[in-house]
Amino acid sequence: MPDVTIDALIERHAVLLFDAFGVLIHGSGPLDGAAGLIERLNGIGKPYYILTNDASKLEATAARTLQGYGLHVPPERIIPSGALLERHFASHGLAGAPTAVLGPADSAAFVERAGGRVVPPTEPFEVLVIGDESGFPFLETVDAVLSALIARLDRDEAVRLVLPNPDLIYPKADRGFGIASGSLALLFEAALALRYPNRPPARFVRLGKPYPAIFEEAARRSGTRDMVMLGDQLETDIRGANAFGIPSVLVTTGVNGPGAASLPPALRPTYRLASLASRPVTPAAAFPEPIASIRNFIPLSDRLATAGQPSEAQLRALAQAGFEVVVNLGLLDPRYCLPDEAGLVRALGLAYHHIPVDFRAPAAADLERFFAVMQQEQDRKLFAHCAANYRVSCFLALYGEARLGWSRQRADAHIRRAWEPDPVWTAFLAASRSALEAGGSARPAAGTASPDGRG
């Protein structure tokens, strides 16, 4: 599985999904880079959700717990498996059903919010929800629930078994682990299978990861399936994301570490991530010559840089530096272009995309082609240029706002690192932003020509 950085994931996907334990926090505090990452996502307005199988905490309770670790996650960004009970109870007609709940008070609150009528495990119940393995006298309560289940099934009375959290284990501090509510469900299932060998097996309906309900809820809330799941457990986070058809990232700080290899396709992550911490962007001056002297050279990440027109020697240096793709927005103007840039770039083994943008009349179709190329080449190290990094800075700023979660302030600051847009490009930016915000394509009107026609 290829390694990936958190910066690349932020750039590539509209929505980030995180597991909590083993990814953002463990038993003794936040994991490295987690607090800074959440602060960054909140600051740029990047959509994200915490998909947690923990059904022992309401959203507000979970948010307070995370805030105590220095992670300022709003409650609305948390999707606990307990919240899935609402749709499950509604779709199965369980409103008002007497429901025994194993777990603390918040587990019972999830059931009440879903419309169930919570009763003690010692009273008759029609639904059993295992919200957590804690919050009750374990042995006495398990014995009482098992006895009640057997008594009910002996009378041939149906019972609904619901398991919001299918996790079998969870990571604790100092490399320890504990059993989770999924293990408790297995205990009941095994006991009932032993008691009733000639009946269809009694099985809990599992709602959390790796089952689809929690991913469906994330897609419903975010309005897109352009999501990526970051988790530490192969059997829940990775299997669930793969089955739902979205990219999966194994964070090697939790249950399944970096040694996971030779995995079947269902458990094979799309990427592997060693740390949530961002890599600092190498400043332009730190690049070797002749790259650093390319006009208006602006590195944006470890896999994206923009600039004005490079020379042949500079293109060769870019290839040696590991760049894999060149995107050229300049015209074939002999005043500044190379005689055969396309041939040279391809001879160097790099992919080449030429989108000639008229500096006097930038068009929506050009911007759409640029977006398509950036999406197509998102997994490769890319260098985009024009004549002076005027065209590219504007196109990249629009792409950053639309696809990378950039704020308007960040996008404008990026443009001004290269130039101050003239009236033509100011109008183009405004029209493109209006169209993109409306969900369509930018269709800027033609404007006043630039004095020199170059960018």
Protein backbone atom coordinates (compact mmCIF):
# COMPACT_ATOMS: atom_id res chain seq x y z
CA MET A 1 0.00 0.00 0.00
CA PRO A 2 1.44 3.44 -0.84
CA ASP A 3 2.21 5.96 1.88
CA VAL A 4 0.27 9.23 1.92
CA THR A 5 0.43 12.50 3.81
CA ILE A 6 -2.44 14.25 5.54
CA ASP A 7 -1.88 17.25 3.25
CA ALA A 8 -2.46 15.09 0.19
CA LEU A 9 -5.69 13.69 1.64
CA ILE A 10 -6.97 17.19 2.38
CA GLU A 11 -6.23 18.18 -1.20
CA ARG A 12 -7.72 15.10 -2.86
CA HIS A 13 -11.03 14.58 -1.08
CA ALA A 14 -14.04 16.73 -0.29
CA VAL A 15 -14.70 15.16 3.13
CA LEU A 16 -12.41 13.46 5.66
CA LEU A 17 -13.78 10.76 7.96
CA PHE A 18 -11.85 9.87 11.11
CA ASP A 19 -12.06 7.12 13.63
CA ALA A 20 -11.52 8.46 17.15
CA PHE A 21 -9.64 5.97 19.33
CA GLY A 22 -6.33 4.96 17.82
CA VAL A 23 -6.44 7.77 15.25
CA LEU A 24 -7.10 11.04 17.10
CA ILE A 25 -6.81 9.95 20.73
CA HIS A 26 -5.85 7.05 22.95
CA GLY A 27 -6.43 6.38 26.62
CA SER A 28 -3.96 8.97 27.86
CA GLY A 29 -4.44 11.86 25.46
CA PRO A 30 -4.34 13.06 21.84
CA LEU A 31 -2.13 11.38 19.30
CA ASP A 32 0.66 13.30 17.63
CA GLY A 33 -0.63 15.92 15.20
CA ALA A 34 -4.31 15.45 16.04
CA ALA A 35 -4.92 18.79 17.77
CA GLY A 36 -3.16 20.77 15.06
CA LEU A 37 -5.03 18.93 12.34
CA ILE A 38 -8.47 19.60 13.83
CA GLU A 39 -7.56 23.26 14.32
CA ARG A 40 -6.45 23.43 10.70
CA LEU A 41 -9.61 21.80 9.35
CA ASN A 42 -11.81 24.10 11.40
CA GLY A 43 -9.82 27.10 10.22
CA ILE A 44 -10.11 26.37 6.51
CA GLY A 45 -13.70 25.13 6.72
CA LYS A 46 -12.78 21.66 5.46
CA PRO A 47 -15.68 19.24 6.00
CA TYR A 48 -14.90 16.30 8.26
CA TYR A 49 -16.70 13.89 10.56
CA ILE A 50 -15.65 11.67 13.43
CA LEU A 51 -17.15 8.24 12.74
CA THR A 52 -16.95 6.47 16.04
CA ASN A 53 -18.35 3.10 16.99
CA ASP A 54 -18.54 4.35 20.57
CA ALA A 55 -22.22 4.25 21.54
CA SER A 56 -21.57 5.22 25.17
CA LYS A 57 -21.41 8.98 24.59
CA LEU A 58 -23.89 11.40 23.05
CA GLU A 59 -22.45 13.84 20.54
CA ALA A 60 -22.17 16.64 23.11
CA THR A 61 -20.54 14.29 25.62
CA ALA A 62 -18.06 13.05 23.01
CA ALA A 63 -17.28 16.65 21.99
CA ARG A 64 -16.51 17.57 25.60
CA THR A 65 -14.23 14.54 25.89
CA LEU A 66 -12.35 15.51 22.74
CA GLN A 67 -12.14 19.13 23.86
CA GLY A 68 -10.59 17.92 27.10
CA TYR A 69 -7.82 16.45 24.93
CA GLY A 70 -7.40 19.76 23.10
CA LEU A 71 -9.42 18.69 20.03
CA HIS A 72 -12.10 21.32 19.41
CA VAL A 73 -14.56 19.20 17.45
CA PRO A 74 -18.14 20.57 17.32
CA PRO A 75 -20.85 18.03 18.28
CA GLU A 76 -22.33 18.19 14.78
CA ARG A 77 -19.05 16.83 13.40
CA ILE A 78 -19.41 13.62 15.41
CA ILE A 79 -21.38 10.60 14.13
CA PRO A 80 -21.46 8.00 16.91
CA SER A 81 -22.90 4.57 16.20
CA GLY A 82 -25.57 5.22 18.82
CA ALA A 83 -27.01 7.96 16.60
CA LEU A 84 -27.81 5.30 13.99
CA LEU A 85 -30.49 3.87 16.28
CA GLU A 86 -32.91 6.60 15.20
CA ARG A 87 -33.11 5.43 11.60
CA HIS A 88 -32.99 1.77 12.65
CA PHE A 89 -35.89 2.08 15.10
CA ALA A 90 -37.90 4.12 12.59
CA SER A 91 -37.38 1.69 9.71
CA HIS A 92 -38.21 -1.38 11.85
CA GLY A 93 -41.23 0.03 13.66
CA LEU A 94 -39.63 -0.15 17.10
CA ALA A 95 -40.93 3.15 18.47
CA GLY A 96 -42.36 2.56 21.94
CA ALA A 97 -40.94 -0.96 22.21
CA PRO A 98 -39.66 -1.90 25.69
CA THR A 99 -35.89 -1.94 25.31
CA ALA A 100 -33.19 -3.21 27.64
CA VAL A 101 -29.97 -1.24 27.26
CA LEU A 102 -26.50 -2.34 28.32
CA GLY A 103 -24.29 0.68 28.77
CA PRO A 104 -24.10 4.00 30.62
CA ALA A 105 -26.73 6.73 30.70
CA ASP A 106 -25.85 8.13 27.27
CA SER A 107 -26.43 4.71 25.68
CA ALA A 108 -29.94 4.74 27.12
CA ALA A 109 -30.37 8.34 25.90
CA PHE A 110 -29.62 7.22 22.33
CA VAL A 111 -32.41 4.64 22.61
CA GLU A 112 -34.84 7.16 24.04
CA ARG A 113 -33.98 9.59 21.24
CA ALA A 114 -34.75 6.82 18.76
CA GLY A 115 -38.19 6.32 20.31
CA GLY A 116 -37.52 3.19 22.36
CA ARG A 117 -38.90 2.81 25.87
CA VAL A 118 -35.98 1.97 28.12
CA VAL A 119 -36.65 -0.68 30.77
CA PRO A 120 -34.31 -2.39 33.26
CA PRO A 121 -32.80 -5.68 32.05
CA THR A 122 -34.69 -7.45 34.84
CA GLU A 123 -38.07 -6.42 33.34
CA PRO A 124 -39.65 -7.90 30.19
CA PHE A 125 -38.18 -6.43 27.02
CA GLU A 126 -38.70 -6.86 23.28
CA VAL A 127 -35.48 -5.21 22.15
CA LEU A 128 -31.94 -5.58 23.50
CA VAL A 129 -29.41 -2.87 22.65
CA ILE A 130 -25.80 -3.30 23.67
CA GLY A 131 -24.55 0.28 23.86
CA ASP A 132 -21.32 -0.44 25.70
CA GLU A 133 -19.51 -3.00 27.81
CA SER A 134 -19.33 -0.57 30.76
CA GLY A 135 -21.79 1.30 32.93
CA PHE A 136 -23.37 -1.70 34.69
CA PRO A 137 -22.41 -4.59 37.03
CA PHE A 138 -20.98 -6.81 34.33
CA LEU A 139 -21.46 -10.40 35.45
CA GLU A 140 -24.78 -9.92 37.24
CA THR A 141 -26.29 -7.96 34.35
CA VAL A 142 -25.03 -10.32 31.65
CA ASP A 143 -26.45 -13.28 33.55
CA ALA A 144 -29.81 -11.53 33.98
CA VAL A 145 -30.03 -10.56 30.29
CA LEU A 146 -29.04 -14.06 29.11
CA SER A 147 -31.65 -15.61 31.40
CA ALA A 148 -34.30 -13.20 30.09
CA LEU A 149 -33.40 -13.95 26.48
CA ILE A 150 -33.62 -17.70 27.03
CA ALA A 151 -36.94 -17.38 28.87
CA ARG A 152 -38.37 -15.28 26.03
CA LEU A 153 -37.13 -17.61 23.30
CA ASP A 154 -38.36 -20.65 25.24
CA ARG A 155 -41.83 -19.08 24.93
CA ASP A 156 -41.24 -18.63 21.18
CA GLU A 157 -41.43 -14.84 21.59
CA ALA A 158 -39.37 -12.80 19.18
CA VAL A 159 -36.66 -10.45 20.40
CA ARG A 160 -34.75 -7.79 18.46
CA LEU A 161 -31.01 -7.69 19.07
CA VAL A 162 -29.24 -4.45 18.10
CA LEU A 163 -25.52 -3.67 18.34
CA PRO A 164 -24.51 -0.12 17.49
CA ASN A 165 -20.80 -0.81 18.20
CA PRO A 166 -19.49 -4.02 16.59
CA ASP A 167 -15.89 -3.43 17.80
CA LEU A 168 -14.34 -6.46 19.47
CA ILE A 169 -11.37 -4.66 21.04
CA TYR A 170 -10.12 -1.10 21.47
CA PRO A 171 -6.67 0.37 22.16
CA LYS A 172 -5.82 1.63 25.65
CA ALA A 173 -2.88 3.54 27.07
CA ASP A 174 0.61 2.03 27.16
CA ARG A 175 -0.07 -0.30 24.22
CA GLY A 176 -2.86 -2.08 26.10
CA PHE A 177 -6.22 -3.24 24.75
CA GLY A 178 -9.70 -3.83 26.14
CA ILE A 179 -12.75 -5.78 25.02
CA ALA A 180 -15.59 -3.83 23.41
CA SER A 181 -19.33 -4.39 23.12
CA GLY A 182 -18.95 -6.53 19.99
CA SER A 183 -17.27 -9.18 22.11
CA LEU A 184 -20.23 -9.10 24.49
CA ALA A 185 -22.60 -9.64 21.55
CA LEU A 186 -20.55 -12.66 20.46
CA LEU A 187 -20.92 -14.08 23.97
CA PHE A 188 -24.74 -13.85 23.77
CA GLU A 189 -24.82 -15.25 20.23
CA ALA A 190 -22.62 -18.19 21.19
CA ALA A 191 -24.71 -18.94 24.29
CA LEU A 192 -27.97 -18.84 22.33
CA ALA A 193 -26.51 -21.02 19.58
CA LEU A 194 -25.57 -23.57 22.23
CA ARG A 195 -29.02 -23.38 23.81
CA TYR A 196 -30.92 -23.65 20.51
CA PRO A 197 -28.82 -25.76 18.11
CA ASN A 198 -31.78 -26.58 15.86
CA ARG A 199 -33.05 -23.02 15.45
CA PRO A 200 -31.86 -20.31 13.08
CA PRO A 201 -29.07 -18.48 14.90
CA ALA A 202 -29.99 -15.39 16.87
CA ARG A 203 -27.87 -12.54 15.54
CA PHE A 204 -27.45 -8.92 16.49
CA VAL A 205 -28.06 -6.29 13.81
CA ARG A 206 -24.75 -4.45 13.65
CA LEU A 207 -24.87 -0.74 12.80
CA GLY A 208 -21.39 0.73 13.19
CA LYS A 209 -18.25 0.18 11.15
CA PRO A 210 -17.68 -1.94 9.07
CA TYR A 211 -21.39 -2.03 8.27
CA PRO A 212 -22.78 0.51 5.78
CA ALA A 213 -25.24 2.44 7.98
CA ILE A 214 -22.62 4.75 9.50
CA PHE A 215 -21.06 5.52 6.10
CA GLU A 216 -24.50 6.15 4.62
CA GLU A 217 -25.16 8.64 7.42
CA ALA A 218 -21.88 10.44 6.69
CA ALA A 219 -22.75 10.65 2.99
CA ARG A 220 -26.25 11.92 3.83
CA ARG A 221 -24.90 14.66 6.08
CA SER A 222 -22.08 15.74 3.79
CA GLY A 223 -24.05 15.48 0.53
CA THR A 224 -21.24 13.66 -1.28
CA ARG A 225 -19.52 10.30 -1.54
CA ASP A 226 -16.16 11.99 -2.19
CA MET A 227 -15.03 10.91 1.26
CA VAL A 228 -11.93 9.18 2.62
CA MET A 229 -11.86 7.10 5.80
CA LEU A 230 -8.88 7.28 8.17
CA GLY A 231 -8.81 4.45 10.69
CA ASP A 232 -6.55 2.12 12.62
CA GLN A 233 -8.56 -1.11 12.50
CA LEU A 234 -8.55 -3.28 9.40
CA GLU A 235 -11.71 -5.18 10.31
CA THR A 236 -13.85 -2.10 10.94
CA ASP A 237 -12.46 1.12 9.46
CA ILE A 238 -10.72 -0.31 6.39
CA ARG A 239 -13.17 -3.11 5.59
CA GLY A 240 -16.11 -0.75 5.99
CA ALA A 241 -14.71 1.97 3.75
CA ASN A 242 -13.68 -0.53 1.08
CA ALA A 243 -17.12 -2.14 1.09
CA PHE A 244 -18.80 1.26 0.84
CA GLY A 245 -16.62 2.13 -2.14
CA ILE A 246 -14.56 5.00 -0.72
CA PRO A 247 -10.76 5.21 -0.24
CA SER A 248 -9.39 3.91 3.04
CA VAL A 249 -6.29 5.00 4.98
CA LEU A 250 -4.62 2.82 7.60
CA VAL A 251 -3.26 5.05 10.36
CA THR A 252 -0.44 3.04 11.89
CA THR A 253 -0.86 4.31 15.46
CA GLY A 254 -3.67 2.03 16.65
CA VAL A 255 -4.70 -1.62 16.58
CA ASN A 256 -3.19 -2.57 13.21
CA GLY A 257 0.31 -1.18 12.90
CA PRO A 258 2.66 -0.82 9.94
CA GLY A 259 3.35 -4.56 9.71
CA ALA A 260 -0.02 -5.39 8.13
CA ALA A 261 0.92 -7.06 4.85
CA SER A 262 -0.33 -9.64 2.35
CA LEU A 263 -3.88 -8.59 3.07
CA PRO A 264 -6.97 -9.80 1.19
CA PRO A 265 -8.62 -7.11 -0.98
CA ALA A 266 -11.41 -6.46 1.52
CA LEU A 267 -8.87 -5.46 4.18
CA ARG A 268 -6.32 -3.80 1.94
CA PRO A 269 -6.09 -0.05 2.61
CA THR A 270 -5.84 2.38 -0.27
CA TYR A 271 -3.08 4.24 1.58
CA ARG A 272 -1.00 4.08 4.75
CA LEU A 273 -0.50 7.13 6.99
CA ALA A 274 2.20 7.28 9.64
CA SER A 275 1.28 10.63 11.21
CA LEU A 276 -1.50 13.21 11.26
CA ALA A 277 1.08 15.98 11.41
CA SER A 278 1.51 18.09 8.29
CA ARG A 279 4.81 18.20 6.53
CA PRO A 280 6.18 21.74 6.33
CA VAL A 281 6.25 23.15 2.82
CA THR A 282 9.80 23.54 1.56
CA PRO A 283 10.33 27.27 0.83
CA ALA A 284 11.28 28.27 -2.70
CA ALA A 285 14.71 29.47 -1.62
CA ALA A 286 15.53 26.01 -0.26
CA PHE A 287 15.09 24.37 -3.67
CA PRO A 288 18.30 23.75 -5.60
CA GLU A 289 19.29 25.86 -8.55
CA PRO A 290 18.15 26.25 -11.21
CA ILE A 291 14.64 25.47 -9.80
CA ALA A 292 14.69 28.23 -7.17
CA SER A 293 15.31 30.88 -9.82
CA ILE A 294 12.27 30.05 -11.98
CA ARG A 295 10.18 33.20 -12.18
CA ASN A 296 7.60 33.38 -9.37
CA PHE A 297 8.34 29.81 -8.25
CA ILE A 298 5.82 28.93 -5.47
CA PRO A 299 5.86 25.48 -3.82
CA LEU A 300 2.50 24.65 -2.25
CA SER A 301 3.13 21.17 -0.86
CA ASP A 302 5.56 18.31 -1.26
CA ARG A 303 3.75 17.37 -4.47
CA LEU A 304 2.59 20.66 -6.03
CA ALA A 305 4.42 23.77 -7.23
CA THR A 306 3.64 26.62 -9.63
CA ALA A 307 5.75 29.17 -11.47
CA GLY A 308 6.30 31.19 -14.62
CA GLN A 309 7.95 29.85 -17.75
CA PRO A 310 10.89 27.52 -16.99
CA SER A 311 13.92 27.11 -19.21
CA GLU A 312 15.01 23.78 -20.65
CA ALA A 313 17.61 23.42 -17.91
CA GLN A 314 15.00 24.18 -15.26
CA LEU A 315 12.61 21.57 -16.67
CA ARG A 316 15.39 18.99 -16.52
CA ALA A 317 16.03 19.96 -12.90
CA LEU A 318 12.34 19.60 -12.11
CA ALA A 319 12.38 16.08 -13.54
CA GLN A 320 15.43 15.25 -11.43
CA ALA A 321 13.61 16.63 -8.36
CA GLY A 322 10.86 14.04 -8.82
CA PHE A 323 8.15 16.02 -10.57
CA GLU A 324 6.02 13.72 -12.70
CA VAL A 325 3.57 16.06 -14.45
CA VAL A 326 3.87 19.45 -16.16
CA VAL A 327 0.78 21.58 -16.82
CA ASN A 328 1.28 24.60 -19.09
CA LEU A 329 -1.36 27.34 -19.27
CA GLY A 330 0.72 29.61 -21.48
CA LEU A 331 0.27 30.26 -25.17
CA LEU A 332 2.71 29.16 -27.85
CA ASP A 333 4.14 32.65 -27.90
CA PRO A 334 7.73 32.86 -29.17
CA ARG A 335 8.35 35.82 -26.86
CA TYR A 336 8.60 33.46 -23.88
CA CYS A 337 7.69 29.84 -24.68
CA LEU A 338 10.18 27.08 -25.46
CA PRO A 339 10.50 25.80 -29.04
CA ASP A 340 9.14 22.34 -28.12
CA GLU A 341 8.24 22.12 -24.46
CA ALA A 342 5.89 19.20 -25.00
CA GLY A 343 8.60 17.14 -26.71
CA LEU A 344 11.20 17.96 -24.07
CA VAL A 345 8.90 17.16 -21.16
CA ARG A 346 7.85 13.85 -22.64
CA ALA A 347 11.46 12.98 -23.46
CA LEU A 348 12.20 13.49 -19.78
CA GLY A 349 9.54 10.89 -18.96
CA LEU A 350 6.98 13.33 -17.57
CA ALA A 351 3.30 13.69 -18.45
CA TYR A 352 2.43 16.93 -20.21
CA HIS A 353 -0.85 18.86 -20.39
CA HIS A 354 -1.15 22.06 -22.40
CA ILE A 355 -4.19 24.25 -21.75
CA PRO A 356 -3.56 27.47 -23.70
CA VAL A 357 -5.29 30.31 -21.83
CA ASP A 358 -5.69 33.64 -23.61
CA PHE A 359 -4.48 36.16 -21.04
CA ARG A 360 -6.82 38.79 -22.49
CA ALA A 361 -9.88 36.51 -22.35
CA PRO A 362 -9.66 33.60 -19.88
CA ALA A 363 -12.52 31.18 -20.48
CA ALA A 364 -14.62 28.94 -18.27
CA ALA A 365 -13.79 25.99 -20.52
CA ASP A 366 -10.09 26.50 -19.75
CA LEU A 367 -10.80 26.46 -16.02
CA GLU A 368 -12.88 23.29 -16.37
CA ARG A 369 -10.05 21.57 -18.24
CA PHE A 370 -7.61 22.65 -15.54
CA PHE A 371 -9.86 21.21 -12.82
CA ALA A 372 -10.12 17.95 -14.76
CA VAL A 373 -6.34 17.67 -15.17
CA MET A 374 -5.71 18.45 -11.51
CA GLN A 375 -8.17 15.76 -10.51
CA GLN A 376 -6.73 13.27 -12.99
CA GLU A 377 -3.15 13.83 -11.79
CA GLN A 378 -3.87 14.24 -8.08
CA ASP A 379 -1.71 11.27 -7.09
CA ARG A 380 1.42 12.55 -8.84
CA LYS A 381 3.93 15.32 -8.19
CA LEU A 382 2.82 18.21 -10.40
CA PHE A 383 4.37 21.44 -11.67
CA ALA A 384 1.99 24.01 -13.22
CA HIS A 385 3.23 27.08 -15.03
CA CYS A 386 2.37 29.78 -17.51
CA ALA A 387 4.44 32.77 -18.59
CA ALA A 388 4.72 34.52 -15.22
CA ASN A 389 2.50 32.50 -12.82
CA TYR A 390 -0.34 34.95 -13.32
CA ARG A 391 -2.79 32.61 -15.06
CA VAL A 392 -1.79 29.63 -12.93
CA SER A 393 -2.03 31.49 -9.63
CA CYS A 394 -5.64 32.44 -10.39
CA PHE A 395 -6.64 29.00 -11.67
CA LEU A 396 -4.97 27.31 -8.70
CA ALA A 397 -6.66 29.68 -6.25
CA LEU A 398 -10.07 28.79 -7.70
CA TYR A 399 -9.20 25.10 -7.56
CA GLY A 400 -8.06 25.51 -3.97
CA GLU A 401 -11.36 27.07 -2.96
CA ALA A 402 -13.48 24.54 -4.85
CA ARG A 403 -11.56 21.33 -4.15
CA LEU A 404 -8.96 21.81 -1.41
CA GLY A 405 -10.98 23.61 1.24
CA TRP A 406 -9.08 26.90 0.92
CA SER A 407 -10.65 30.01 2.40
CA ARG A 408 -11.18 33.04 0.16
CA GLN A 409 -8.49 34.83 2.17
CA ARG A 410 -5.96 32.06 1.54
CA ALA A 411 -6.80 31.92 -2.17
CA ASP A 412 -6.39 35.67 -2.60
CA ALA A 413 -3.13 35.63 -0.66
CA HIS A 414 -1.83 32.91 -2.97
CA ILE A 415 -2.59 35.00 -6.06
CA ARG A 416 -0.87 38.04 -4.61
CA ARG A 417 2.31 36.08 -4.07
CA ALA A 418 2.66 36.30 -7.86
CA TRP A 419 0.81 39.48 -8.88
CA GLU A 420 -2.11 41.85 -8.37
CA PRO A 421 -4.85 40.80 -10.85
CA ASP A 422 -5.83 43.34 -13.49
CA PRO A 423 -9.49 44.17 -14.30
CA VAL A 424 -9.84 41.24 -16.75
CA TRP A 425 -8.73 38.68 -14.20
CA THR A 426 -10.54 40.35 -11.31
CA ALA A 427 -13.77 39.99 -13.28
CA PHE A 428 -12.90 36.40 -14.24
CA LEU A 429 -12.26 35.46 -10.62
CA ALA A 430 -15.53 37.01 -9.47
CA ALA A 431 -17.59 35.34 -12.21
CA SER A 432 -15.92 31.97 -11.69
CA ARG A 433 -16.46 32.09 -7.95
CA SER A 434 -20.13 32.95 -8.39
CA ALA A 435 -20.60 30.06 -10.80
CA LEU A 436 -18.71 27.60 -8.61
CA GLU A 437 -20.65 28.62 -5.52
CA ALA A 438 -23.85 28.03 -7.48
CA GLY A 439 -22.67 24.55 -8.38
CA GLY A 440 -22.11 25.26 -12.04
CA SER A 441 -19.24 26.24 -14.31
CA ALA A 442 -17.57 29.62 -14.39
CA ARG A 443 -18.68 31.68 -17.36
CA PRO A 444 -16.87 35.02 -17.07
CA ALA A 445 -17.55 37.64 -19.63
CA ALA A 446 -14.74 39.00 -21.76
CA GLY A 447 -13.06 42.05 -20.27
CA THR A 448 -10.51 44.69 -21.01
CA ALA A 449 -7.28 43.45 -22.54
CA SER A 450 -4.11 43.37 -20.47
CA PRO A 451 -1.45 45.81 -21.63
CA ASP A 452 1.10 43.15 -22.57
CA GLY A 453 -1.15 40.13 -23.11
CA ARG A 454 1.06 37.93 -20.97
CA GLY A 455 0.62 35.94 -17.75
